[in-house]
Amino acid sequence: MYVCDDFVRRAKTFRSYFEREGLTLRPCAYDALSAILIEKAGFDVIGTSGYGISASIIGQPDIGLVGYGEMVERVRTMINAVSLPVDVDADTGYGNALNVYWTVKNFAGIGAAGIRIEDQVWPKRCGHMKGKQIVSTDEMVRKIKAAVKARNESNPYLVIGARTDARSVYGFKEVLERGKHYAEAGADYLYVEAPQSLNEVEILVREIPIPIAFNIIPGGKTPPFTLKQLEEIGVKYLSVPMICLYPAVKAIMKALNELKKGNIIDVAKEGVNWAEFNEIVGLKEWRKLELELLSEEELKEKYGTTNIETIMEKEAEEAEALWKKKKG
């Protein structure tokens, strides 16, 4: 499978984050727009959130209702929208070791810089939910080896993360045992779902021979550790799955409530304006390309000038003036 140079660059960059000092944050996107916003905010990597993708695609909880094909297509649109490394939450790999091999191959093919699989039984569920079950250590080891084989055949810099949900199923001792086996199988980092104390995290960092990662969700099972605390004890990677989803939901609800009250002008205060949004989604670049593809005769006939910058400035001024007039 051919992987383009840009995809190799992204994976190589992402891999380097585990070798540098300090904690790398993984804010999670659930669609292309939220991925763009993470990049514009200046972060180094974008994570995908299976929880958020499930909510945004089908409006249902993260209990394994979104399948492999739907996830690949959604992630593809996110990778295409940004230039940052994108680290993919690939659930359980959607089956056995053969499914994991195929999953990793195809995510590498669409440009994933990293991919994480977990040891839950499929259909899985969000790690902070009750009722989880996990596969045997041996089965997960086979999955990791399959993922590594697919990585080596596709993009040797692709980062393979192994997640364990053993903490809430069999206890902390099982996490340590599995973590060592997962590292030996070739995982690049261990993602521990819902550690319960800083002491547990410190033990993980000390005992597991690969970098430790986990997530923090407001109201979830992981205590609200501070970034400083985690960095001081050596955590390398922290996922923040709801950083885009929860604030977006709250803002939408507020705007809809204002609209229900008939406050159409107040609705505008709740979000970005026309020009700001168009800047986020790159309308200016598309409009410029559209004009550049016209002949000088067509430009002159339609706009009275062949100067593309002048045309675009005039269009922007007209839109702004019209909105100001309506508000007045």
C-alpha atoms as a PDB file:
ATOM      1  CA  MET A   1       0.000   0.000   0.000  1.00  0.00           C
ATOM      2  CA  TYR A   2       1.407   3.379  -1.045  1.00  0.00           C
ATOM      3  CA  VAL A   3       1.445   6.096   1.595  1.00  0.00           C
ATOM      4  CA  CYS A   4       2.288   9.608   0.421  1.00  0.00           C
ATOM      5  CA  ASP A   5       5.204  11.628   1.769  1.00  0.00           C
ATOM      6  CA  ASP A   6       2.899  13.975   3.688  1.00  0.00           C
ATOM      7  CA  PHE A   7       1.391  11.065   5.612  1.00  0.00           C
ATOM      8  CA  VAL A   8       4.875   9.810   6.481  1.00  0.00           C
ATOM      9  CA  ARG A   9       5.819  13.333   7.632  1.00  0.00           C
ATOM     10  CA  ARG A  10       2.818  13.545   9.932  1.00  0.00           C
ATOM     11  CA  ALA A  11       3.486  10.144  11.501  1.00  0.00           C
ATOM     12  CA  LYS A  12       7.190  10.903  11.925  1.00  0.00           C
ATOM     13  CA  THR A  13       6.323  14.205  13.610  1.00  0.00           C
ATOM     14  CA  PHE A  14       3.812  12.550  15.925  1.00  0.00           C
ATOM     15  CA  ARG A  15       6.309   9.841  16.891  1.00  0.00           C
ATOM     16  CA  SER A  16       8.833  12.512  17.865  1.00  0.00           C
ATOM     17  CA  TYR A  17       6.448  13.877  20.517  1.00  0.00           C
ATOM     18  CA  PHE A  18       7.018  10.792  22.655  1.00  0.00           C
ATOM     19  CA  GLU A  19      10.761  11.440  22.658  1.00  0.00           C
ATOM     20  CA  ARG A  20      10.650  15.086  23.720  1.00  0.00           C
ATOM     21  CA  GLU A  21      10.387  16.504  27.208  1.00  0.00           C
ATOM     22  CA  GLY A  22       7.025  17.269  28.767  1.00  0.00           C
ATOM     23  CA  LEU A  23       3.383  16.380  28.267  1.00  0.00           C
ATOM     24  CA  THR A  24       1.702  16.374  24.865  1.00  0.00           C
ATOM     25  CA  LEU A  25      -1.991  17.257  24.834  1.00  0.00           C
ATOM     26  CA  ARG A  26      -4.371  15.421  22.497  1.00  0.00           C
ATOM     27  CA  PRO A  27      -7.504  17.562  22.069  1.00  0.00           C
ATOM     28  CA  CYS A  28     -10.096  15.492  20.243  1.00  0.00           C
ATOM     29  CA  ALA A  29     -12.184  16.381  17.217  1.00  0.00           C
ATOM     30  CA  TYR A  30     -15.392  14.742  16.069  1.00  0.00           C
ATOM     31  CA  ASP A  31     -15.551  16.194  12.545  1.00  0.00           C
ATOM     32  CA  ALA A  32     -13.476  18.187  10.062  1.00  0.00           C
ATOM     33  CA  LEU A  33     -14.567  21.579  11.441  1.00  0.00           C
ATOM     34  CA  SER A  34     -13.557  20.785  15.014  1.00  0.00           C
ATOM     35  CA  ALA A  35     -10.240  19.424  13.685  1.00  0.00           C
ATOM     36  CA  ILE A  36      -9.607  22.721  11.884  1.00  0.00           C
ATOM     37  CA  LEU A  37     -10.332  24.656  15.075  1.00  0.00           C
ATOM     38  CA  ILE A  38      -7.851  22.540  17.056  1.00  0.00           C
ATOM     39  CA  GLU A  39      -5.177  23.219  14.468  1.00  0.00           C
ATOM     40  CA  LYS A  40      -5.908  26.946  14.434  1.00  0.00           C
ATOM     41  CA  ALA A  41      -5.672  27.004  18.244  1.00  0.00           C
ATOM     42  CA  GLY A  42      -2.026  25.954  17.952  1.00  0.00           C
ATOM     43  CA  PHE A  43      -1.971  22.380  19.261  1.00  0.00           C
ATOM     44  CA  ASP A  44       0.530  19.782  18.016  1.00  0.00           C
ATOM     45  CA  VAL A  45      -1.732  16.810  17.391  1.00  0.00           C
ATOM     46  CA  ILE A  46      -5.415  16.119  16.821  1.00  0.00           C
ATOM     47  CA  GLY A  47      -7.135  13.093  18.305  1.00  0.00           C
ATOM     48  CA  THR A  48     -10.344  11.582  17.035  1.00  0.00           C
ATOM     49  CA  SER A  49     -13.073  10.858  19.558  1.00  0.00           C
ATOM     50  CA  GLY A  50     -15.171   7.761  18.992  1.00  0.00           C
ATOM     51  CA  TYR A  51     -17.550   9.143  21.629  1.00  0.00           C
ATOM     52  CA  GLY A  52     -17.898  12.420  19.752  1.00  0.00           C
ATOM     53  CA  ILE A  53     -18.092  10.788  16.332  1.00  0.00           C
ATOM     54  CA  SER A  54     -20.876   8.491  17.484  1.00  0.00           C
ATOM     55  CA  ALA A  55     -22.813  11.463  18.856  1.00  0.00           C
ATOM     56  CA  SER A  56     -22.315  13.587  15.748  1.00  0.00           C
ATOM     57  CA  ILE A  57     -22.945  10.877  13.121  1.00  0.00           C
ATOM     58  CA  ILE A  58     -25.931   9.065  14.599  1.00  0.00           C
ATOM     59  CA  GLY A  59     -26.818  10.995  17.750  1.00  0.00           C
ATOM     60  CA  GLN A  60     -26.330   7.924  19.931  1.00  0.00           C
ATOM     61  CA  PRO A  61     -23.999   6.993  22.810  1.00  0.00           C
ATOM     62  CA  ASP A  62     -20.589   5.398  22.324  1.00  0.00           C
ATOM     63  CA  ILE A  63     -21.643   1.752  22.699  1.00  0.00           C
ATOM     64  CA  GLY A  64     -20.295   0.285  19.468  1.00  0.00           C
ATOM     65  CA  LEU A  65     -23.053   1.413  17.111  1.00  0.00           C
ATOM     66  CA  VAL A  66     -20.667   3.115  14.672  1.00  0.00           C
ATOM     67  CA  GLY A  67     -18.814   0.601  12.519  1.00  0.00           C
ATOM     68  CA  TYR A  68     -15.463   0.429  10.773  1.00  0.00           C
ATOM     69  CA  GLY A  69     -16.587   1.881   7.427  1.00  0.00           C
ATOM     70  CA  GLU A  70     -18.338   4.871   8.984  1.00  0.00           C
ATOM     71  CA  MET A  71     -15.298   5.592  11.148  1.00  0.00           C
ATOM     72  CA  VAL A  72     -12.850   5.437   8.244  1.00  0.00           C
ATOM     73  CA  GLU A  73     -14.929   7.863   6.194  1.00  0.00           C
ATOM     74  CA  ARG A  74     -15.348  10.368   9.028  1.00  0.00           C
ATOM     75  CA  VAL A  75     -11.636  10.252   9.915  1.00  0.00           C
ATOM     76  CA  ARG A  76     -10.659  10.660   6.258  1.00  0.00           C
ATOM     77  CA  THR A  77     -12.516  13.986   6.090  1.00  0.00           C
ATOM     78  CA  MET A  78     -10.767  15.153   9.261  1.00  0.00           C
ATOM     79  CA  ILE A  79      -7.281  14.265   8.016  1.00  0.00           C
ATOM     80  CA  ASN A  80      -7.947  15.986   4.689  1.00  0.00           C
ATOM     81  CA  ALA A  81      -8.969  19.206   6.454  1.00  0.00           C
ATOM     82  CA  VAL A  82      -5.742  19.752   8.424  1.00  0.00           C
ATOM     83  CA  SER A  83      -1.965  19.474   8.183  1.00  0.00           C
ATOM     84  CA  LEU A  84      -1.347  18.284  11.773  1.00  0.00           C
ATOM     85  CA  PRO A  85      -0.817  14.635  12.747  1.00  0.00           C
ATOM     86  CA  VAL A  86      -4.154  12.930  13.457  1.00  0.00           C
ATOM     87  CA  ASP A  87      -4.185  10.153  16.057  1.00  0.00           C
ATOM     88  CA  VAL A  88      -7.119   7.808  15.491  1.00  0.00           C
ATOM     89  CA  ASP A  89      -9.310   6.073  18.044  1.00  0.00           C
ATOM     90  CA  ALA A  90      -9.998   2.789  16.216  1.00  0.00           C
ATOM     91  CA  ASP A  91     -12.025   1.156  19.002  1.00  0.00           C
ATOM     92  CA  THR A  92     -11.183  -2.576  19.200  1.00  0.00           C
ATOM     93  CA  GLY A  93      -9.996  -2.785  15.607  1.00  0.00           C
ATOM     94  CA  TYR A  94     -13.507  -4.044  14.751  1.00  0.00           C
ATOM     95  CA  GLY A  95     -12.940  -7.746  15.273  1.00  0.00           C
ATOM     96  CA  ASN A  96     -10.050 -10.169  15.678  1.00  0.00           C
ATOM     97  CA  ALA A  97      -6.363  -9.795  14.794  1.00  0.00           C
ATOM     98  CA  LEU A  98      -7.102 -10.021  11.067  1.00  0.00           C
ATOM     99  CA  ASN A  99      -9.600  -7.177  11.361  1.00  0.00           C
ATOM    100  CA  VAL A 100      -7.016  -5.134  13.241  1.00  0.00           C
ATOM    101  CA  TYR A 101      -4.474  -5.744  10.472  1.00  0.00           C
ATOM    102  CA  TRP A 102      -6.965  -4.529   7.859  1.00  0.00           C
ATOM    103  CA  THR A 103      -8.050  -1.587  10.005  1.00  0.00           C
ATOM    104  CA  VAL A 104      -4.501  -0.339  10.530  1.00  0.00           C
ATOM    105  CA  LYS A 105      -3.653  -0.808   6.834  1.00  0.00           C
ATOM    106  CA  ASN A 106      -6.597   1.330   5.778  1.00  0.00           C
ATOM    107  CA  PHE A 107      -6.176   4.059   8.371  1.00  0.00           C
ATOM    108  CA  ALA A 108      -2.517   4.312   7.361  1.00  0.00           C
ATOM    109  CA  GLY A 109      -3.699   4.627   3.767  1.00  0.00           C
ATOM    110  CA  ILE A 110      -5.866   7.658   4.530  1.00  0.00           C
ATOM    111  CA  GLY A 111      -3.093   9.388   6.463  1.00  0.00           C
ATOM    112  CA  ALA A 112      -3.451   8.533  10.146  1.00  0.00           C
ATOM    113  CA  ALA A 113      -0.308   9.441  12.091  1.00  0.00           C
ATOM    114  CA  GLY A 114      -1.273   7.192  14.992  1.00  0.00           C
ATOM    115  CA  ILE A 115      -3.866   4.563  15.729  1.00  0.00           C
ATOM    116  CA  ARG A 116      -5.051   3.179  19.049  1.00  0.00           C
ATOM    117  CA  ILE A 117      -6.824  -0.115  19.652  1.00  0.00           C
ATOM    118  CA  GLU A 118      -8.315  -1.350  22.905  1.00  0.00           C
ATOM    119  CA  ASP A 119      -8.857  -4.617  24.725  1.00  0.00           C
ATOM    120  CA  GLN A 120     -12.604  -4.389  25.159  1.00  0.00           C
ATOM    121  CA  VAL A 121     -14.984  -6.985  23.743  1.00  0.00           C
ATOM    122  CA  TRP A 122     -16.785  -5.755  20.624  1.00  0.00           C
ATOM    123  CA  PRO A 123     -19.232  -4.048  20.670  1.00  0.00           C
ATOM    124  CA  LYS A 124     -17.255  -1.793  22.986  1.00  0.00           C
ATOM    125  CA  ARG A 125     -18.395   1.237  24.928  1.00  0.00           C
ATOM    126  CA  CYS A 126     -16.953   4.473  26.256  1.00  0.00           C
ATOM    127  CA  GLY A 127     -14.358   3.628  28.880  1.00  0.00           C
ATOM    128  CA  HIS A 128     -16.139   5.639  31.579  1.00  0.00           C
ATOM    129  CA  MET A 129     -19.368   3.655  31.194  1.00  0.00           C
ATOM    130  CA  LYS A 130     -20.369   0.632  33.241  1.00  0.00           C
ATOM    131  CA  GLY A 131     -20.776  -2.914  31.934  1.00  0.00           C
ATOM    132  CA  LYS A 132     -17.444  -3.239  30.107  1.00  0.00           C
ATOM    133  CA  GLN A 133     -15.872  -6.569  29.211  1.00  0.00           C
ATOM    134  CA  ILE A 134     -12.338  -7.196  27.995  1.00  0.00           C
ATOM    135  CA  VAL A 135     -10.699  -9.852  25.857  1.00  0.00           C
ATOM    136  CA  SER A 136      -7.896 -12.069  27.119  1.00  0.00           C
ATOM    137  CA  THR A 137      -4.354 -10.776  27.288  1.00  0.00           C
ATOM    138  CA  ASP A 138      -3.295 -13.269  24.614  1.00  0.00           C
ATOM    139  CA  GLU A 139      -5.977 -12.082  22.197  1.00  0.00           C
ATOM    140  CA  MET A 140      -4.985  -8.451  22.666  1.00  0.00           C
ATOM    141  CA  VAL A 141      -1.322  -9.312  22.178  1.00  0.00           C
ATOM    142  CA  ARG A 142      -2.213 -10.916  18.843  1.00  0.00           C
ATOM    143  CA  LYS A 143      -4.079  -7.757  17.867  1.00  0.00           C
ATOM    144  CA  ILE A 144      -1.103  -5.548  18.720  1.00  0.00           C
ATOM    145  CA  LYS A 145       1.236  -7.778  16.715  1.00  0.00           C
ATOM    146  CA  ALA A 146      -1.160  -7.579  13.768  1.00  0.00           C
ATOM    147  CA  ALA A 147      -1.246  -3.793  14.081  1.00  0.00           C
ATOM    148  CA  VAL A 148       2.566  -3.632  14.134  1.00  0.00           C
ATOM    149  CA  LYS A 149       2.807  -5.849  11.048  1.00  0.00           C
ATOM    150  CA  ALA A 150       0.335  -3.630   9.169  1.00  0.00           C
ATOM    151  CA  ARG A 151       2.251  -0.541  10.309  1.00  0.00           C
ATOM    152  CA  ASN A 152       5.573  -1.917   9.107  1.00  0.00           C
ATOM    153  CA  GLU A 153       4.091  -2.714   5.711  1.00  0.00           C
ATOM    154  CA  SER A 154       2.393   0.660   5.289  1.00  0.00           C
ATOM    155  CA  ASN A 155       4.073   3.503   7.180  1.00  0.00           C
ATOM    156  CA  PRO A 156       6.945   2.582   9.525  1.00  0.00           C
ATOM    157  CA  TYR A 157       6.505   5.786  11.544  1.00  0.00           C
ATOM    158  CA  LEU A 158       2.818   5.188  12.355  1.00  0.00           C
ATOM    159  CA  VAL A 159       2.364   5.195  16.140  1.00  0.00           C
ATOM    160  CA  ILE A 160       0.534   2.196  17.629  1.00  0.00           C
ATOM    161  CA  GLY A 161      -1.244   2.795  20.921  1.00  0.00           C
ATOM    162  CA  ALA A 162      -2.671  -0.012  23.066  1.00  0.00           C
ATOM    163  CA  ARG A 163      -5.507   0.818  25.427  1.00  0.00           C
ATOM    164  CA  THR A 164      -6.547  -1.305  28.364  1.00  0.00           C
ATOM    165  CA  ASP A 165      -9.850  -1.092  30.210  1.00  0.00           C
ATOM    166  CA  ALA A 166      -8.693  -3.604  32.806  1.00  0.00           C
ATOM    167  CA  ARG A 167      -8.691  -1.132  35.719  1.00  0.00           C
ATOM    168  CA  SER A 168     -12.463  -1.154  36.221  1.00  0.00           C
ATOM    169  CA  VAL A 169     -12.893  -4.830  35.269  1.00  0.00           C
ATOM    170  CA  TYR A 170     -10.113  -6.707  37.095  1.00  0.00           C
ATOM    171  CA  GLY A 171      -8.248  -4.038  39.037  1.00  0.00           C
ATOM    172  CA  PHE A 172      -4.949  -2.194  38.919  1.00  0.00           C
ATOM    173  CA  LYS A 173      -2.686  -5.255  39.150  1.00  0.00           C
ATOM    174  CA  GLU A 174      -4.155  -6.535  35.882  1.00  0.00           C
ATOM    175  CA  VAL A 175      -3.375  -3.178  34.238  1.00  0.00           C
ATOM    176  CA  LEU A 176       0.299  -3.562  35.155  1.00  0.00           C
ATOM    177  CA  GLU A 177       0.469  -7.125  33.885  1.00  0.00           C
ATOM    178  CA  ARG A 178      -1.259  -6.338  30.624  1.00  0.00           C
ATOM    179  CA  GLY A 179       0.754  -3.176  30.107  1.00  0.00           C
ATOM    180  CA  LYS A 180       4.019  -5.117  30.172  1.00  0.00           C
ATOM    181  CA  HIS A 181       2.693  -7.693  27.710  1.00  0.00           C
ATOM    182  CA  TYR A 182       1.348  -4.996  25.394  1.00  0.00           C
ATOM    183  CA  ALA A 183       4.701  -3.222  25.421  1.00  0.00           C
ATOM    184  CA  GLU A 184       6.509  -6.457  24.611  1.00  0.00           C
ATOM    185  CA  ALA A 185       4.099  -7.074  21.713  1.00  0.00           C
ATOM    186  CA  GLY A 186       5.210  -3.796  20.129  1.00  0.00           C
ATOM    187  CA  ALA A 187       2.825  -1.063  21.287  1.00  0.00           C
ATOM    188  CA  ASP A 188       4.420   2.386  21.248  1.00  0.00           C
ATOM    189  CA  TYR A 189       2.464   3.638  24.264  1.00  0.00           C
ATOM    190  CA  LEU A 190      -0.011   2.304  26.818  1.00  0.00           C
ATOM    191  CA  TYR A 191      -3.322   4.111  27.185  1.00  0.00           C
ATOM    192  CA  VAL A 192      -4.859   3.282  30.557  1.00  0.00           C
ATOM    193  CA  GLU A 193      -8.566   3.915  30.845  1.00  0.00           C
ATOM    194  CA  ALA A 194      -9.612   5.637  34.077  1.00  0.00           C
ATOM    195  CA  PRO A 195      -6.690   5.378  36.532  1.00  0.00           C
ATOM    196  CA  GLN A 196      -7.964   6.195  40.003  1.00  0.00           C
ATOM    197  CA  SER A 197      -5.129   8.097  41.674  1.00  0.00           C
ATOM    198  CA  LEU A 198      -1.846   9.882  41.097  1.00  0.00           C
ATOM    199  CA  ASN A 199      -0.137   7.044  42.911  1.00  0.00           C
ATOM    200  CA  GLU A 200      -1.443   4.591  40.324  1.00  0.00           C
ATOM    201  CA  VAL A 201      -0.225   6.817  37.525  1.00  0.00           C
ATOM    202  CA  GLU A 202       3.215   7.118  39.137  1.00  0.00           C
ATOM    203  CA  ILE A 203       3.467   3.328  39.377  1.00  0.00           C
ATOM    204  CA  LEU A 204       2.469   2.968  35.722  1.00  0.00           C
ATOM    205  CA  VAL A 205       5.108   5.459  34.603  1.00  0.00           C
ATOM    206  CA  ARG A 206       7.731   3.653  36.672  1.00  0.00           C
ATOM    207  CA  GLU A 207       6.805   0.042  35.847  1.00  0.00           C
ATOM    208  CA  ILE A 208       5.669   0.116  32.210  1.00  0.00           C
ATOM    209  CA  PRO A 209       8.562   0.383  29.692  1.00  0.00           C
ATOM    210  CA  ILE A 210       6.647   2.520  27.182  1.00  0.00           C
ATOM    211  CA  PRO A 211       5.031   5.980  27.579  1.00  0.00           C
ATOM    212  CA  ILE A 212       1.794   6.222  29.556  1.00  0.00           C
ATOM    213  CA  ALA A 213      -1.326   7.985  28.303  1.00  0.00           C
ATOM    214  CA  PHE A 214      -4.939   8.306  29.407  1.00  0.00           C
ATOM    215  CA  ASN A 215      -7.829  10.763  29.221  1.00  0.00           C
ATOM    216  CA  ILE A 216      -9.727  13.149  31.432  1.00  0.00           C
ATOM    217  CA  ILE A 217     -13.463  13.693  30.919  1.00  0.00           C
ATOM    218  CA  PRO A 218     -15.482  16.196  33.000  1.00  0.00           C
ATOM    219  CA  GLY A 219     -17.645  14.071  35.289  1.00  0.00           C
ATOM    220  CA  GLY A 220     -15.869  10.865  34.260  1.00  0.00           C
ATOM    221  CA  LYS A 221     -14.127   8.237  36.392  1.00  0.00           C
ATOM    222  CA  THR A 222     -10.625   9.710  36.202  1.00  0.00           C
ATOM    223  CA  PRO A 223      -9.915  12.261  38.969  1.00  0.00           C
ATOM    224  CA  PRO A 224      -9.339  15.851  37.752  1.00  0.00           C
ATOM    225  CA  PHE A 225      -5.535  15.780  37.849  1.00  0.00           C
ATOM    226  CA  THR A 226      -3.793  19.009  36.852  1.00  0.00           C
ATOM    227  CA  LEU A 227      -1.509  19.139  33.838  1.00  0.00           C
ATOM    228  CA  LYS A 228       1.356  20.166  36.105  1.00  0.00           C
ATOM    229  CA  GLN A 229       0.877  17.095  38.320  1.00  0.00           C
ATOM    230  CA  LEU A 230       0.873  14.760  35.329  1.00  0.00           C
ATOM    231  CA  GLU A 231       3.890  16.360  33.724  1.00  0.00           C
ATOM    232  CA  GLU A 232       5.875  16.194  36.963  1.00  0.00           C
ATOM    233  CA  ILE A 233       5.386  12.439  37.306  1.00  0.00           C
ATOM    234  CA  GLY A 234       6.251  11.736  33.677  1.00  0.00           C
ATOM    235  CA  VAL A 235       2.980  11.228  31.808  1.00  0.00           C
ATOM    236  CA  LYS A 236       3.763  11.782  28.125  1.00  0.00           C
ATOM    237  CA  TYR A 237       0.361  11.991  26.480  1.00  0.00           C
ATOM    238  CA  LEU A 238      -3.051  13.180  27.673  1.00  0.00           C
ATOM    239  CA  SER A 239      -6.247  12.900  25.671  1.00  0.00           C
ATOM    240  CA  VAL A 240      -9.040  15.455  26.177  1.00  0.00           C
ATOM    241  CA  PRO A 241     -11.959  13.881  24.283  1.00  0.00           C
ATOM    242  CA  MET A 242     -14.740  16.400  25.036  1.00  0.00           C
ATOM    243  CA  ILE A 243     -12.877  19.677  24.563  1.00  0.00           C
ATOM    244  CA  CYS A 244     -14.802  20.460  21.369  1.00  0.00           C
ATOM    245  CA  LEU A 245     -17.993  18.450  21.777  1.00  0.00           C
ATOM    246  CA  TYR A 246     -19.267  19.576  25.178  1.00  0.00           C
ATOM    247  CA  PRO A 247     -18.701  23.348  24.710  1.00  0.00           C
ATOM    248  CA  ALA A 248     -20.252  23.149  21.230  1.00  0.00           C
ATOM    249  CA  VAL A 249     -23.368  21.442  22.565  1.00  0.00           C
ATOM    250  CA  LYS A 250     -23.767  24.035  25.317  1.00  0.00           C
ATOM    251  CA  ALA A 251     -23.326  26.943  22.884  1.00  0.00           C
ATOM    252  CA  ILE A 252     -25.837  25.471  20.428  1.00  0.00           C
ATOM    253  CA  MET A 253     -28.406  24.945  23.174  1.00  0.00           C
ATOM    254  CA  LYS A 254     -27.972  28.537  24.340  1.00  0.00           C
ATOM    255  CA  ALA A 255     -28.330  29.943  20.822  1.00  0.00           C
ATOM    256  CA  LEU A 256     -31.427  27.853  20.162  1.00  0.00           C
ATOM    257  CA  ASN A 257     -33.011  29.059  23.399  1.00  0.00           C
ATOM    258  CA  GLU A 258     -32.402  32.657  22.348  1.00  0.00           C
ATOM    259  CA  LEU A 259     -33.943  31.981  18.940  1.00  0.00           C
ATOM    260  CA  LYS A 260     -36.967  30.342  20.584  1.00  0.00           C
ATOM    261  CA  LYS A 261     -37.465  33.590  22.506  1.00  0.00           C
ATOM    262  CA  GLY A 262     -37.403  35.493  19.223  1.00  0.00           C
ATOM    263  CA  ASN A 263     -34.057  37.181  19.902  1.00  0.00           C
ATOM    264  CA  ILE A 264     -32.600  36.832  16.402  1.00  0.00           C
ATOM    265  CA  ILE A 265     -30.071  39.635  16.969  1.00  0.00           C
ATOM    266  CA  ASP A 266     -28.949  38.136  20.291  1.00  0.00           C
ATOM    267  CA  VAL A 267     -28.340  34.808  18.553  1.00  0.00           C
ATOM    268  CA  ALA A 268     -25.592  36.484  16.544  1.00  0.00           C
ATOM    269  CA  LYS A 269     -23.786  37.379  19.769  1.00  0.00           C
ATOM    270  CA  GLU A 270     -23.494  33.710  20.719  1.00  0.00           C
ATOM    271  CA  GLY A 271     -21.114  32.751  17.924  1.00  0.00           C
ATOM    272  CA  VAL A 272     -18.673  33.899  15.282  1.00  0.00           C
ATOM    273  CA  ASN A 273     -19.894  36.132  12.490  1.00  0.00           C
ATOM    274  CA  TRP A 274     -20.080  35.539   8.744  1.00  0.00           C
ATOM    275  CA  ALA A 275     -16.582  36.785   7.979  1.00  0.00           C
ATOM    276  CA  GLU A 276     -14.980  34.931  10.887  1.00  0.00           C
ATOM    277  CA  PHE A 277     -16.583  31.634   9.940  1.00  0.00           C
ATOM    278  CA  ASN A 278     -15.654  31.981   6.289  1.00  0.00           C
ATOM    279  CA  GLU A 279     -12.069  32.560   7.375  1.00  0.00           C
ATOM    280  CA  ILE A 280     -12.122  29.339   9.433  1.00  0.00           C
ATOM    281  CA  VAL A 281     -13.347  27.201   6.529  1.00  0.00           C
ATOM    282  CA  GLY A 282     -11.080  28.857   3.965  1.00  0.00           C
ATOM    283  CA  LEU A 283     -13.696  30.491   1.743  1.00  0.00           C
ATOM    284  CA  LYS A 284     -11.285  33.247   0.699  1.00  0.00           C
ATOM    285  CA  GLU A 285      -8.859  30.761  -0.842  1.00  0.00           C
ATOM    286  CA  TRP A 286     -11.652  28.989  -2.724  1.00  0.00           C
ATOM    287  CA  ARG A 287     -13.117  32.259  -3.981  1.00  0.00           C
ATOM    288  CA  LYS A 288      -9.691  33.415  -5.128  1.00  0.00           C
ATOM    289  CA  LEU A 289      -9.167  30.159  -7.035  1.00  0.00           C
ATOM    290  CA  GLU A 290     -12.621  30.484  -8.603  1.00  0.00           C
ATOM    291  CA  LEU A 291     -11.787  33.979  -9.867  1.00  0.00           C
ATOM    292  CA  GLU A 292      -8.312  32.966 -11.061  1.00  0.00           C
ATOM    293  CA  LEU A 293      -9.890  30.334 -13.305  1.00  0.00           C
ATOM    294  CA  LEU A 294     -11.916  32.993 -15.159  1.00  0.00           C
ATOM    295  CA  SER A 295     -10.477  34.701 -18.201  1.00  0.00           C
ATOM    296  CA  GLU A 296      -9.636  38.423 -18.104  1.00  0.00           C
ATOM    297  CA  GLU A 297     -12.595  39.048 -20.421  1.00  0.00           C
ATOM    298  CA  GLU A 298     -14.984  37.274 -18.048  1.00  0.00           C
ATOM    299  CA  LEU A 299     -13.604  39.149 -15.029  1.00  0.00           C
ATOM    300  CA  LYS A 300     -13.964  42.481 -16.820  1.00  0.00           C
ATOM    301  CA  GLU A 301     -17.522  41.685 -17.929  1.00  0.00           C
ATOM    302  CA  LYS A 302     -18.722  40.477 -14.513  1.00  0.00           C
ATOM    303  CA  TYR A 303     -16.831  42.754 -12.150  1.00  0.00           C
ATOM    304  CA  GLY A 304     -15.541  45.690 -14.168  1.00  0.00           C
ATOM    305  CA  THR A 305     -11.912  44.888 -13.283  1.00  0.00           C
ATOM    306  CA  THR A 306      -9.354  42.116 -13.643  1.00  0.00           C
ATOM    307  CA  ASN A 307      -7.863  42.768 -10.189  1.00  0.00           C
ATOM    308  CA  ILE A 308      -8.954  39.782  -8.104  1.00  0.00           C
ATOM    309  CA  GLU A 309      -7.986  41.341  -4.762  1.00  0.00           C
ATOM    310  CA  THR A 310     -10.134  44.375  -5.530  1.00  0.00           C
ATOM    311  CA  ILE A 311     -13.100  42.156  -6.385  1.00  0.00           C
ATOM    312  CA  MET A 312     -12.797  40.196  -3.151  1.00  0.00           C
ATOM    313  CA  GLU A 313     -12.371  43.284  -0.973  1.00  0.00           C
ATOM    314  CA  LYS A 314     -15.486  44.840  -2.499  1.00  0.00           C
ATOM    315  CA  GLU A 315     -17.529  41.679  -1.887  1.00  0.00           C
ATOM    316  CA  ALA A 316     -16.437  41.568   1.755  1.00  0.00           C
ATOM    317  CA  GLU A 317     -17.259  45.238   2.293  1.00  0.00           C
ATOM    318  CA  GLU A 318     -20.708  44.848   0.741  1.00  0.00           C
ATOM    319  CA  ALA A 319     -21.607  41.911   2.994  1.00  0.00           C
ATOM    320  CA  GLU A 320     -20.402  43.719   6.131  1.00  0.00           C
ATOM    321  CA  ALA A 321     -22.249  46.908   5.219  1.00  0.00           C
ATOM    322  CA  LEU A 322     -25.505  45.043   4.586  1.00  0.00           C
ATOM    323  CA  TRP A 323     -25.428  43.345   8.025  1.00  0.00           C
ATOM    324  CA  LYS A 324     -24.609  46.628   9.786  1.00  0.00           C
ATOM    325  CA  LYS A 325     -27.525  48.301   7.988  1.00  0.00           C
ATOM    326  CA  LYS A 326     -29.945  45.549   9.052  1.00  0.00           C
ATOM    327  CA  LYS A 327     -28.807  45.725  12.673  1.00  0.00           C
ATOM    328  CA  GLY A 328     -29.236  49.490  12.660  1.00  0.00           C
END
